[in-house]
Amino acid sequence: MKKNCTIIALILCCLTAKAGDYKFEYLYNNLPFDMPRVEIPVFKDYRVSVADFGGDASGKTLSTEAFAKAIDHLSANGGGVLDVPTGVWYTGPIVLKSNINLHLDGGAIILFSEDKSLYPLVDTSFEGLDNTKRCQSPISAVGANNIAITGLGTIDGNGEYWRPLKREKVNESTWKRVTSRGGVYKRPTYWFPSSQALKGDTISDMNVPRHLTTDEEWASVKDFLRPVMVSLTDCSNIYLQGVIFQNSPAWNIHPLKCTNLIVDEVLVRNPSYSQNGDGLDVESCTNVLVVNSRFDVGDDAICIKSGKDKDGRVRGMPTKNVIVSGCTVFRGHGGFVVGSEMSGGVENVLVENSNFISTDVGLRFKSRRGRGGVVENIYIKDVAMSDIATEPILFDLFYGGRSAVEVLEQGVEERAVAAFKVDETTPAFRNIYVDGLNCRGARRAMFFNGIPEMPITSIDIKNVFVTSKLGAEISYSKDVKMENVEILSEDNKPLKVSNTQSCNFDGFKGAIEFGENVN
């Protein structure tokens, strides 16, 4: 009997040790929604180097064929690790396959070629719209399982050769350096790298050309169809760890319709002037961890999406079960963002223990009439911010494609007037909880700009302290509750409220100015 007890004790000890070895166990403590553990994928103990297949570490010649041969070899042998040694690996597109870990050694740079002829047009989804075309992404995978990009190296998309440039966003030396390559001008202060790129801009709505039907028509605007740098579609069990992802042609990292994704200790960089230079766009994905990572980008940093308008509603795949923890955003149009492409819905998201420094907005929730979709069960906990150009918390249901700073500079901040009929195109934001937010320095403390037919509903805000030039404004909102909320604003008007229902501001410390239609 004693021997049996000893065996049982050893088994229990081993099981406990195994559970304790899970790197992300702490994320699940007191999680406010049910979510399965996202495991780190494991790879076969078999390694090859891209150099073994003819790759050139000097950067003098293209290593496109070497990457393809190495990946095919690994795939044929059940997978493993593809090592990228120290050096500059100049290449065209890389297509990942199942059971492969692309591992960059310290000092390794994968630099993608600026030659656009290497990136053929492919059918894809962009800006939340399906059945469109873009140039092939520098790194892509479709339908792959058990894949990773890990290590201490850098992946550079050479995006400056793809992106248009606005004169007001850069200094004189950058403007001269970029425009000296040739290109054309939409206006004297708005440069495009080619006439194809400019033509695409003139026929596009939110960066997506409309009404093109033939291959010839798409080819005529190919240069405009900038790819996302890392495109992962219909993939599962994905691990991005340690690597620097930078200088993307459009969005930086775009997982679409993926399951079980871990983004761990990465650095995502784009120039502050990069158009559509998003950091991480998680679209219609399930079970996602974004942990201990840093973002410094030219557009939204950590973005949650689920498709746009009818395409997103027909797809019907919400992004759900997401944990963002221990992250820092230095620059970006928004630190943590939901929308504006949220037509398939967003649910069960936790953002905790993160910092937003010098972003345009801290927490940015955006949509517009016509989107549809429901955003709900969003939990924000223990977030610190400083030097926020507009608002630490922004709900804008009149998003028109401009950043919050551009709206501020150009004017016309749209406000709700008449109520529309509620139907499947009406966006809804509800059940959002903020507990623990400290912001030192913002223009306006908060701005809730809902729509009359579907107010922003059930927003709990507690343990919040903000210093700002202007106080908070809340309109077309319902069931907003504040507890231990303090705003020190230079205008001495901490909170303005109008067009609200069933709100409780008893826990707000300061003066409240009530406008019309407060019930």
Protein backbone atom coordinates (compact mmCIF):
# COMPACT_ATOMS: atom_id res chain seq x y z
CA MET A 1 0.00 0.00 0.00
CA LYS A 2 2.83 2.33 0.89
CA LYS A 3 4.49 1.63 -2.47
CA ASN A 4 1.23 2.43 -4.33
CA CYS A 5 0.87 5.71 -2.43
CA THR A 6 4.43 6.65 -3.35
CA ILE A 7 3.74 5.96 -7.03
CA ILE A 8 0.54 8.01 -6.94
CA ALA A 9 2.39 10.88 -5.23
CA LEU A 10 5.10 10.83 -7.90
CA ILE A 11 2.49 10.90 -10.66
CA LEU A 12 0.70 13.85 -9.06
CA CYS A 13 4.02 15.64 -8.61
CA CYS A 14 4.87 15.18 -12.29
CA LEU A 15 1.44 16.41 -13.39
CA THR A 16 1.75 19.47 -11.15
CA ALA A 17 5.22 20.25 -12.44
CA LYS A 18 4.01 19.94 -16.02
CA ALA A 19 1.13 22.35 -15.39
CA GLY A 20 3.46 24.77 -13.65
CA ASP A 21 5.79 24.76 -16.67
CA TYR A 22 3.17 26.42 -18.85
CA LYS A 23 4.65 29.83 -19.57
CA PHE A 24 1.37 31.73 -19.64
CA GLU A 25 -0.48 30.17 -16.71
CA TYR A 26 -0.57 33.52 -14.89
CA LEU A 27 -2.71 35.05 -17.62
CA TYR A 28 -5.62 32.79 -16.74
CA ASN A 29 -5.82 33.73 -13.07
CA ASN A 30 -9.20 35.38 -12.47
CA LEU A 31 -9.86 35.65 -16.19
CA PRO A 32 -13.35 37.21 -16.56
CA PHE A 33 -14.40 34.83 -19.34
CA ASP A 34 -13.86 31.19 -20.24
CA MET A 35 -10.95 30.60 -22.59
CA PRO A 36 -8.89 27.48 -23.32
CA ARG A 37 -5.14 27.53 -22.77
CA VAL A 38 -3.21 28.46 -25.89
CA GLU A 39 -0.24 26.13 -26.10
CA ILE A 40 3.15 26.92 -27.62
CA PRO A 41 3.62 24.70 -30.68
CA VAL A 42 6.30 22.01 -30.56
CA PHE A 43 8.47 21.17 -33.55
CA LYS A 44 10.37 18.13 -34.71
CA ASP A 45 14.01 18.03 -33.56
CA TYR A 46 15.37 18.50 -37.06
CA ARG A 47 17.17 21.66 -38.19
CA VAL A 48 18.46 22.94 -41.47
CA SER A 49 19.97 26.27 -42.46
CA VAL A 50 18.90 28.40 -45.38
CA ALA A 51 22.61 28.56 -46.21
CA ASP A 52 22.54 24.81 -46.86
CA PHE A 53 20.22 25.42 -49.80
CA GLY A 54 22.23 28.16 -51.48
CA GLY A 55 21.17 31.18 -49.43
CA ASP A 56 23.45 34.22 -49.51
CA ALA A 57 24.15 35.84 -46.13
CA SER A 58 25.89 38.82 -47.72
CA GLY A 59 22.71 40.37 -49.11
CA LYS A 60 24.28 40.61 -52.56
CA THR A 61 21.94 38.17 -54.27
CA LEU A 62 18.39 36.98 -53.75
CA SER A 63 17.82 33.99 -51.47
CA THR A 64 14.20 33.45 -52.54
CA GLU A 65 14.87 30.04 -54.07
CA ALA A 66 16.95 28.95 -51.08
CA PHE A 67 14.12 29.70 -48.65
CA ALA A 68 11.62 27.83 -50.84
CA LYS A 69 13.88 24.78 -51.17
CA ALA A 70 14.60 24.67 -47.44
CA ILE A 71 10.91 24.92 -46.54
CA ASP A 72 9.98 22.22 -49.07
CA HIS A 73 12.70 19.97 -47.66
CA LEU A 74 11.50 20.42 -44.09
CA SER A 75 7.91 19.88 -45.10
CA ALA A 76 8.77 16.65 -46.90
CA ASN A 77 10.55 15.41 -43.78
CA GLY A 78 7.81 16.13 -41.28
CA GLY A 79 8.85 19.66 -40.39
CA GLY A 80 11.43 21.14 -38.07
CA VAL A 81 13.41 24.35 -37.68
CA LEU A 82 14.70 26.53 -40.50
CA ASP A 83 17.69 28.45 -39.17
CA VAL A 84 18.50 31.88 -40.56
CA PRO A 85 22.09 32.60 -39.43
CA THR A 86 23.64 35.99 -38.81
CA GLY A 87 23.77 38.04 -42.00
CA VAL A 88 21.53 39.89 -44.43
CA TRP A 89 19.22 37.57 -46.32
CA TYR A 90 17.84 39.54 -49.26
CA THR A 91 14.82 37.78 -50.69
CA GLY A 92 11.46 37.73 -52.38
CA PRO A 93 8.32 36.26 -50.77
CA ILE A 94 8.58 33.41 -48.26
CA VAL A 95 5.67 30.95 -47.95
CA LEU A 96 5.53 29.03 -44.68
CA LYS A 97 4.19 25.48 -44.40
CA SER A 98 2.89 23.38 -41.52
CA ASN A 99 5.19 22.20 -38.74
CA ILE A 100 7.98 24.68 -39.52
CA ASN A 101 9.65 27.19 -37.21
CA LEU A 102 11.43 29.99 -39.08
CA HIS A 103 14.15 30.86 -36.57
CA LEU A 104 16.34 33.96 -36.89
CA ASP A 105 19.66 33.99 -35.06
CA GLY A 106 20.84 37.17 -33.38
CA GLY A 107 22.22 39.47 -36.05
CA ALA A 108 20.10 37.91 -38.79
CA ILE A 109 18.09 40.22 -41.07
CA ILE A 110 15.57 39.00 -43.60
CA LEU A 111 15.30 41.96 -45.97
CA PHE A 112 12.60 41.79 -48.61
CA SER A 113 13.37 43.05 -52.07
CA GLU A 114 11.96 46.32 -53.32
CA ASP A 115 11.43 44.73 -56.76
CA LYS A 116 7.63 44.66 -57.05
CA SER A 117 7.73 42.15 -59.90
CA LEU A 118 8.62 39.49 -57.32
CA TYR A 119 5.22 39.92 -55.63
CA PRO A 120 2.43 38.67 -57.93
CA LEU A 121 -1.18 39.61 -57.40
CA VAL A 122 -3.11 37.11 -55.26
CA ASP A 123 -6.72 36.78 -54.12
CA THR A 124 -7.00 37.90 -50.52
CA SER A 125 -8.85 40.01 -47.97
CA PHE A 126 -7.86 43.55 -47.00
CA GLU A 127 -9.42 46.31 -44.93
CA GLY A 128 -12.07 43.79 -43.90
CA LEU A 129 -13.27 43.12 -47.44
CA ASP A 130 -13.07 39.67 -48.99
CA ASN A 131 -12.64 38.81 -52.68
CA THR A 132 -10.11 41.50 -53.41
CA LYS A 133 -6.52 41.36 -54.64
CA ARG A 134 -3.19 42.50 -53.23
CA CYS A 135 0.40 41.81 -54.03
CA GLN A 136 1.69 38.65 -52.39
CA SER A 137 2.85 39.26 -48.83
CA PRO A 138 6.57 39.04 -48.03
CA ILE A 139 5.73 36.27 -45.52
CA SER A 140 2.54 34.27 -45.87
CA ALA A 141 0.84 31.03 -44.94
CA VAL A 142 -2.60 29.72 -45.84
CA GLY A 143 -4.18 26.78 -44.02
CA ALA A 144 -0.96 25.93 -42.17
CA ASN A 145 -0.88 24.28 -38.76
CA ASN A 146 1.87 24.46 -36.17
CA ILE A 147 4.02 27.32 -37.46
CA ALA A 148 6.36 29.80 -35.82
CA ILE A 149 8.65 32.76 -36.43
CA THR A 150 11.12 32.98 -33.56
CA GLY A 151 14.55 34.23 -32.57
CA LEU A 152 16.48 37.44 -32.08
CA GLY A 153 16.72 38.72 -35.64
CA THR A 154 14.85 41.27 -37.76
CA ILE A 155 12.32 40.96 -40.57
CA ASP A 156 12.24 44.09 -42.75
CA GLY A 157 9.56 44.57 -45.39
CA ASN A 158 11.34 47.44 -47.20
CA GLY A 159 8.02 49.23 -47.12
CA GLU A 160 9.35 52.64 -48.03
CA TYR A 161 9.47 51.56 -51.68
CA TRP A 162 5.74 50.82 -51.60
CA ARG A 163 4.12 53.52 -49.49
CA PRO A 164 2.97 57.00 -50.55
CA LEU A 165 4.29 59.89 -48.51
CA LYS A 166 2.83 63.14 -47.21
CA ARG A 167 5.23 66.06 -46.91
CA GLU A 168 3.81 67.30 -43.62
CA LYS A 169 4.61 64.02 -41.87
CA VAL A 170 8.38 63.98 -42.44
CA ASN A 171 11.43 66.18 -42.16
CA GLU A 172 13.14 67.73 -45.18
CA SER A 173 15.87 65.12 -45.52
CA THR A 174 13.40 62.21 -45.50
CA TRP A 175 11.17 63.93 -48.03
CA LYS A 176 14.10 64.52 -50.40
CA ARG A 177 15.51 61.03 -49.98
CA VAL A 178 12.23 59.26 -50.71
CA THR A 179 10.98 61.47 -53.54
CA SER A 180 14.38 61.40 -55.28
CA ARG A 181 13.52 57.90 -56.50
CA GLY A 182 11.12 59.34 -59.07
CA GLY A 183 7.42 58.72 -58.72
CA VAL A 184 4.49 61.10 -59.23
CA TYR A 185 2.55 63.65 -57.19
CA LYS A 186 -1.15 63.76 -56.39
CA ARG A 187 -0.46 67.27 -55.17
CA PRO A 188 2.86 69.00 -54.42
CA THR A 189 2.89 67.62 -50.88
CA TYR A 190 1.53 64.12 -51.59
CA TRP A 191 3.92 61.72 -53.36
CA PHE A 192 3.30 58.27 -54.84
CA PRO A 193 6.05 55.87 -55.91
CA SER A 194 4.55 55.33 -59.39
CA SER A 195 1.71 56.33 -61.69
CA GLN A 196 0.15 52.89 -61.07
CA ALA A 197 0.05 53.61 -57.35
CA LEU A 198 -1.56 57.01 -57.92
CA LYS A 199 -4.14 55.54 -60.29
CA GLY A 200 -5.09 52.96 -57.69
CA ASP A 201 -5.56 55.69 -55.10
CA THR A 202 -7.95 57.63 -57.32
CA ILE A 203 -10.31 54.65 -57.79
CA SER A 204 -10.22 53.30 -54.24
CA ASP A 205 -12.45 53.51 -51.22
CA MET A 206 -10.55 53.07 -47.94
CA ASN A 207 -7.50 51.64 -49.79
CA VAL A 208 -9.48 49.03 -51.74
CA PRO A 209 -10.10 49.55 -55.49
CA ARG A 210 -13.71 49.10 -56.50
CA HIS A 211 -15.37 47.81 -59.67
CA LEU A 212 -12.29 46.09 -61.12
CA THR A 213 -13.25 42.86 -62.87
CA THR A 214 -10.48 41.69 -65.20
CA ASP A 215 -6.89 40.68 -64.49
CA GLU A 216 -5.76 43.48 -66.79
CA GLU A 217 -7.64 46.07 -64.73
CA TRP A 218 -6.08 44.80 -61.50
CA ALA A 219 -2.62 44.73 -63.09
CA SER A 220 -2.99 48.38 -64.09
CA VAL A 221 -2.93 49.39 -60.40
CA LYS A 222 -0.59 46.67 -59.09
CA ASP A 223 1.84 49.08 -57.42
CA PHE A 224 -1.01 50.50 -55.35
CA LEU A 225 -1.89 47.08 -53.92
CA ARG A 226 0.62 47.15 -51.10
CA PRO A 227 0.71 43.86 -49.18
CA VAL A 228 0.63 43.30 -45.47
CA MET A 229 4.08 42.07 -44.44
CA VAL A 230 3.07 38.91 -42.55
CA SER A 231 -0.19 37.37 -43.76
CA LEU A 232 -1.45 34.27 -41.94
CA THR A 233 -4.84 33.03 -43.17
CA ASP A 234 -6.86 30.06 -41.87
CA CYS A 235 -3.87 28.92 -39.81
CA SER A 236 -3.76 27.34 -36.37
CA ASN A 237 -1.23 26.98 -33.56
CA ILE A 238 0.96 29.97 -34.37
CA TYR A 239 3.88 31.31 -32.34
CA LEU A 240 5.60 34.64 -33.02
CA GLN A 241 8.38 35.16 -30.49
CA GLY A 242 11.28 37.54 -29.98
CA VAL A 243 11.68 38.82 -33.53
CA ILE A 244 11.63 42.43 -34.74
CA PHE A 245 9.00 42.98 -37.45
CA GLN A 246 9.51 46.32 -39.18
CA ASN A 247 8.97 48.56 -42.18
CA SER A 248 5.94 46.86 -43.71
CA PRO A 249 4.43 47.95 -47.06
CA ALA A 250 0.95 48.13 -45.45
CA TRP A 251 -0.13 46.45 -42.19
CA ASN A 252 2.67 44.71 -40.39
CA ILE A 253 1.21 41.43 -39.01
CA HIS A 254 -2.24 40.25 -40.10
CA PRO A 255 -3.62 36.94 -38.77
CA LEU A 256 -6.97 36.31 -40.45
CA LYS A 257 -9.40 33.55 -39.44
CA CYS A 258 -6.72 31.91 -37.31
CA THR A 259 -6.99 29.84 -34.13
CA ASN A 260 -4.56 29.59 -31.23
CA LEU A 261 -2.12 32.45 -31.80
CA ILE A 262 0.64 33.60 -29.45
CA VAL A 263 2.54 36.86 -30.00
CA ASP A 264 5.30 36.93 -27.38
CA GLU A 265 8.08 39.46 -26.74
CA VAL A 266 8.15 40.82 -30.27
CA LEU A 267 8.95 44.36 -31.38
CA VAL A 268 6.72 45.74 -34.14
CA ARG A 269 8.03 48.90 -35.80
CA ASN A 270 6.95 51.18 -38.60
CA PRO A 271 7.89 54.80 -39.27
CA SER A 272 5.50 57.30 -37.71
CA TYR A 273 4.71 58.59 -41.20
CA SER A 274 3.85 55.20 -42.70
CA GLN A 275 0.36 55.17 -44.20
CA ASN A 276 -1.66 52.12 -43.15
CA GLY A 277 1.34 51.18 -41.04
CA ASP A 278 -0.67 49.20 -38.47
CA GLY A 279 1.17 46.99 -36.02
CA LEU A 280 -0.90 43.87 -35.32
CA ASP A 281 -4.34 43.36 -36.88
CA VAL A 282 -6.09 40.34 -35.35
CA GLU A 283 -9.08 39.66 -37.60
CA SER A 284 -11.75 36.99 -37.05
CA CYS A 285 -9.39 34.98 -34.84
CA THR A 286 -10.07 32.82 -31.78
CA ASN A 287 -7.86 32.19 -28.74
CA VAL A 288 -5.11 34.80 -28.93
CA LEU A 289 -2.34 35.86 -26.53
CA VAL A 290 -0.41 39.10 -27.12
CA VAL A 291 2.11 39.39 -24.33
CA ASN A 292 5.15 41.42 -23.33
CA SER A 293 5.49 42.98 -26.76
CA ARG A 294 6.32 46.50 -27.95
CA PHE A 295 4.80 48.54 -30.73
CA ASP A 296 5.97 51.75 -32.39
CA VAL A 297 3.98 52.30 -35.56
CA GLY A 298 2.42 54.73 -38.00
CA ASP A 299 -1.21 53.72 -37.57
CA ASP A 300 -3.17 51.67 -35.02
CA ALA A 301 -0.93 49.45 -32.89
CA ILE A 302 -2.86 46.47 -31.45
CA CYS A 303 -6.04 46.16 -33.50
CA ILE A 304 -9.02 43.83 -33.15
CA LYS A 305 -11.13 43.37 -36.29
CA SER A 306 -13.68 40.97 -37.84
CA GLY A 307 -14.48 42.13 -41.36
CA LYS A 308 -16.23 45.14 -42.85
CA ASP A 309 -19.88 45.75 -43.61
CA LYS A 310 -21.71 42.97 -45.50
CA ASP A 311 -18.52 40.97 -46.07
CA GLY A 312 -17.85 40.82 -42.34
CA ARG A 313 -21.46 40.01 -41.47
CA VAL A 314 -21.64 37.21 -44.06
CA ARG A 315 -18.32 35.79 -42.86
CA GLY A 316 -19.80 35.82 -39.36
CA MET A 317 -16.54 35.09 -37.56
CA PRO A 318 -16.04 37.26 -34.47
CA THR A 319 -12.67 37.77 -32.92
CA LYS A 320 -12.99 36.24 -29.47
CA ASN A 321 -10.96 35.09 -26.50
CA VAL A 322 -8.06 37.54 -26.62
CA ILE A 323 -5.61 38.47 -23.85
CA VAL A 324 -3.29 41.47 -24.26
CA SER A 325 -0.88 41.70 -21.32
CA GLY A 326 2.35 43.46 -20.49
CA CYS A 327 2.55 45.39 -23.76
CA THR A 328 3.92 48.87 -24.49
CA VAL A 329 2.89 51.12 -27.36
CA PHE A 330 5.11 54.13 -28.05
CA ARG A 331 3.44 55.68 -31.07
CA GLY A 332 0.33 54.90 -33.04
CA HIS A 333 -3.09 56.24 -33.91
CA GLY A 334 -4.41 54.03 -31.11
CA GLY A 335 -2.73 51.91 -28.47
CA PHE A 336 -5.44 49.25 -28.23
CA VAL A 337 -8.11 49.48 -30.91
CA VAL A 338 -11.37 47.75 -31.73
CA GLY A 339 -12.64 48.43 -35.25
CA SER A 340 -13.49 50.00 -37.42
CA GLU A 341 -13.91 46.71 -39.30
CA MET A 342 -15.87 44.84 -36.61
CA SER A 343 -18.90 43.68 -38.58
CA GLY A 344 -18.46 40.05 -37.55
CA GLY A 345 -18.35 40.97 -33.87
CA VAL A 346 -15.76 41.06 -31.08
CA GLU A 347 -16.17 39.36 -27.70
CA ASN A 348 -14.19 38.30 -24.65
CA VAL A 349 -11.10 40.52 -24.67
CA LEU A 350 -8.83 41.41 -21.74
CA VAL A 351 -6.22 44.19 -21.89
CA GLU A 352 -4.08 44.45 -18.77
CA ASN A 353 -0.82 45.75 -17.33
CA SER A 354 0.06 47.75 -20.44
CA ASN A 355 1.45 51.20 -21.24
CA PHE A 356 0.56 53.65 -24.00
CA ILE A 357 3.08 56.47 -24.44
CA SER A 358 2.57 59.35 -26.90
CA THR A 359 -0.15 57.59 -28.90
CA ASP A 360 -2.90 59.60 -30.57
CA VAL A 361 -5.52 57.70 -28.54
CA GLY A 362 -5.11 55.20 -25.74
CA LEU A 363 -8.17 52.92 -25.94
CA ARG A 364 -9.85 53.46 -29.29
CA PHE A 365 -13.26 51.98 -30.13
CA LYS A 366 -14.44 52.96 -33.60
CA SER A 367 -17.16 52.08 -36.07
CA ARG A 368 -19.87 53.68 -38.19
CA ARG A 369 -23.37 53.12 -39.42
CA GLY A 370 -23.43 50.37 -42.02
CA ARG A 371 -20.96 48.10 -40.24
CA GLY A 372 -23.29 46.08 -38.03
CA GLY A 373 -21.67 43.70 -35.57
CA VAL A 374 -21.58 43.58 -31.77
CA VAL A 375 -18.56 44.40 -29.60
CA GLU A 376 -19.06 43.11 -26.06
CA ASN A 377 -17.35 41.78 -22.96
CA ILE A 378 -14.21 43.90 -23.19
CA TYR A 379 -12.17 44.22 -19.98
CA ILE A 380 -9.46 46.85 -19.47
CA LYS A 381 -7.39 46.54 -16.31
CA ASP A 382 -4.39 48.45 -14.94
CA VAL A 383 -3.34 50.54 -17.92
CA ALA A 384 -1.00 53.54 -17.67
CA MET A 385 -0.72 56.30 -20.26
CA SER A 386 1.18 59.53 -20.80
CA ASP A 387 1.27 62.30 -23.39
CA ILE A 388 -1.88 61.22 -25.26
CA ALA A 389 -2.60 63.57 -28.17
CA THR A 390 -6.39 63.29 -27.96
CA GLU A 391 -8.27 60.96 -25.56
CA PRO A 392 -7.22 58.11 -23.27
CA ILE A 393 -10.65 56.53 -23.94
CA LEU A 394 -12.52 57.15 -27.20
CA PHE A 395 -15.76 55.70 -28.52
CA ASP A 396 -16.41 57.07 -32.00
CA LEU A 397 -19.31 55.65 -33.98
CA PHE A 398 -18.83 58.21 -36.72
CA TYR A 399 -15.43 57.01 -37.87
CA GLY A 400 -14.63 58.40 -41.31
CA GLY A 401 -11.20 56.97 -42.05
CA ARG A 402 -9.09 59.65 -40.41
CA SER A 403 -6.98 59.42 -37.29
CA ALA A 404 -8.18 61.25 -34.18
CA VAL A 405 -5.38 63.77 -34.61
CA GLU A 406 -6.36 64.40 -38.23
CA VAL A 407 -9.96 64.99 -37.12
CA LEU A 408 -8.65 67.44 -34.53
CA GLU A 409 -6.47 69.28 -37.06
CA GLN A 410 -8.93 69.30 -39.96
CA GLY A 411 -12.12 69.80 -37.96
CA VAL A 412 -15.62 68.42 -38.49
CA GLU A 413 -16.11 66.16 -35.50
CA GLU A 414 -19.44 64.60 -36.41
CA ARG A 415 -22.14 64.38 -33.75
CA ALA A 416 -25.31 62.36 -33.74
CA VAL A 417 -28.50 64.14 -34.80
CA ALA A 418 -31.41 61.96 -35.96
CA ALA A 419 -31.92 58.31 -35.10
CA PHE A 420 -31.83 55.77 -37.91
CA LYS A 421 -33.79 52.53 -38.08
CA VAL A 422 -32.04 49.68 -36.25
CA ASP A 423 -31.19 46.74 -38.52
CA GLU A 424 -28.32 44.37 -39.26
CA THR A 425 -26.14 47.32 -40.31
CA THR A 426 -26.31 48.99 -36.88
CA PRO A 427 -23.07 48.62 -34.87
CA ALA A 428 -23.33 47.95 -31.12
CA PHE A 429 -20.78 48.43 -28.32
CA ARG A 430 -21.77 47.11 -24.89
CA ASN A 431 -20.53 45.55 -21.67
CA ILE A 432 -17.13 47.22 -21.53
CA TYR A 433 -15.27 47.48 -18.23
CA VAL A 434 -12.34 49.72 -17.31
CA ASP A 435 -10.77 49.18 -13.90
CA GLY A 436 -7.51 50.97 -13.22
CA LEU A 437 -6.44 53.63 -15.71
CA ASN A 438 -3.96 56.41 -15.03
CA CYS A 439 -3.17 59.02 -17.67
CA ARG A 440 -0.88 61.98 -17.21
CA GLY A 441 -1.40 64.45 -20.02
CA ALA A 442 -4.16 64.28 -22.63
CA ARG A 443 -6.09 66.79 -24.69
CA ARG A 444 -9.54 65.58 -23.63
CA ALA A 445 -10.12 63.13 -20.80
CA MET A 446 -12.71 60.95 -22.58
CA PHE A 447 -15.07 61.17 -25.52
CA PHE A 448 -18.12 58.93 -25.99
CA ASN A 449 -19.76 59.71 -29.33
CA GLY A 450 -22.53 57.15 -29.82
CA ILE A 451 -25.49 57.03 -32.18
CA PRO A 452 -29.07 57.71 -31.05
CA GLU A 453 -30.54 54.44 -32.32
CA MET A 454 -27.90 52.30 -30.55
CA PRO A 455 -26.25 54.09 -27.62
CA ILE A 456 -22.96 52.85 -26.23
CA THR A 457 -24.33 50.64 -23.45
CA SER A 458 -23.19 49.27 -20.09
CA ILE A 459 -19.81 50.91 -19.69
CA ASP A 460 -18.29 50.60 -16.20
CA ILE A 461 -15.38 52.88 -15.43
CA LYS A 462 -13.68 52.81 -12.06
CA ASN A 463 -10.38 53.70 -10.43
CA VAL A 464 -9.45 56.17 -13.15
CA PHE A 465 -7.35 59.32 -12.87
CA VAL A 466 -6.67 61.63 -15.83
CA THR A 467 -5.02 65.01 -16.25
CA SER A 468 -6.06 66.81 -19.42
CA LYS A 469 -6.65 70.15 -21.07
CA LEU A 470 -10.35 69.46 -21.54
CA GLY A 471 -12.72 67.36 -19.48
CA ALA A 472 -14.68 64.31 -20.58
CA GLU A 473 -17.71 64.40 -22.89
CA ILE A 474 -20.30 61.65 -22.91
CA SER A 475 -23.24 61.56 -25.31
CA TYR A 476 -25.63 58.98 -26.72
CA SER A 477 -24.68 56.49 -24.05
CA LYS A 478 -26.72 54.28 -21.75
CA ASP A 479 -25.99 52.64 -18.39
CA VAL A 480 -22.61 54.29 -17.95
CA LYS A 481 -21.35 53.90 -14.40
CA MET A 482 -18.41 55.70 -12.81
CA GLU A 483 -16.75 54.79 -9.52
CA ASN A 484 -13.70 56.55 -8.11
CA VAL A 485 -13.10 58.53 -11.29
CA GLU A 486 -11.22 61.83 -11.12
CA ILE A 487 -10.34 64.24 -13.91
CA LEU A 488 -8.14 67.29 -13.44
CA SER A 489 -8.78 69.42 -16.51
CA GLU A 490 -7.37 72.83 -17.31
CA ASP A 491 -10.78 74.04 -18.47
CA ASN A 492 -12.26 73.25 -15.03
CA LYS A 493 -15.11 71.37 -16.69
CA PRO A 494 -14.29 67.77 -15.82
CA LEU A 495 -17.44 66.08 -17.19
CA LYS A 496 -20.09 67.09 -19.71
CA VAL A 497 -23.07 64.78 -20.19
CA SER A 498 -25.87 64.91 -22.77
CA ASN A 499 -28.29 62.51 -24.45
CA THR A 500 -27.77 59.73 -21.93
CA GLN A 501 -30.02 57.21 -20.22
CA SER A 502 -29.81 55.46 -16.84
CA CYS A 503 -26.25 56.55 -16.11
CA ASN A 504 -24.75 56.66 -12.63
CA PHE A 505 -22.07 59.27 -12.02
CA ASP A 506 -22.21 59.18 -8.22
CA GLY A 507 -18.64 57.90 -8.15
CA PHE A 508 -17.29 60.80 -10.21
CA LYS A 509 -15.13 63.24 -8.25
CA GLY A 510 -15.79 66.70 -9.60
CA ALA A 511 -18.28 68.97 -11.25
CA ILE A 512 -20.71 67.62 -13.84
CA GLU A 513 -22.36 69.75 -16.51
CA PHE A 514 -25.63 68.20 -17.69
CA GLY A 515 -26.89 69.05 -21.16
CA GLU A 516 -30.05 68.05 -22.98
CA ASN A 517 -31.86 64.72 -22.82
CA VAL A 518 -30.32 63.31 -19.67
CA ASN A 519 -32.59 60.66 -18.15
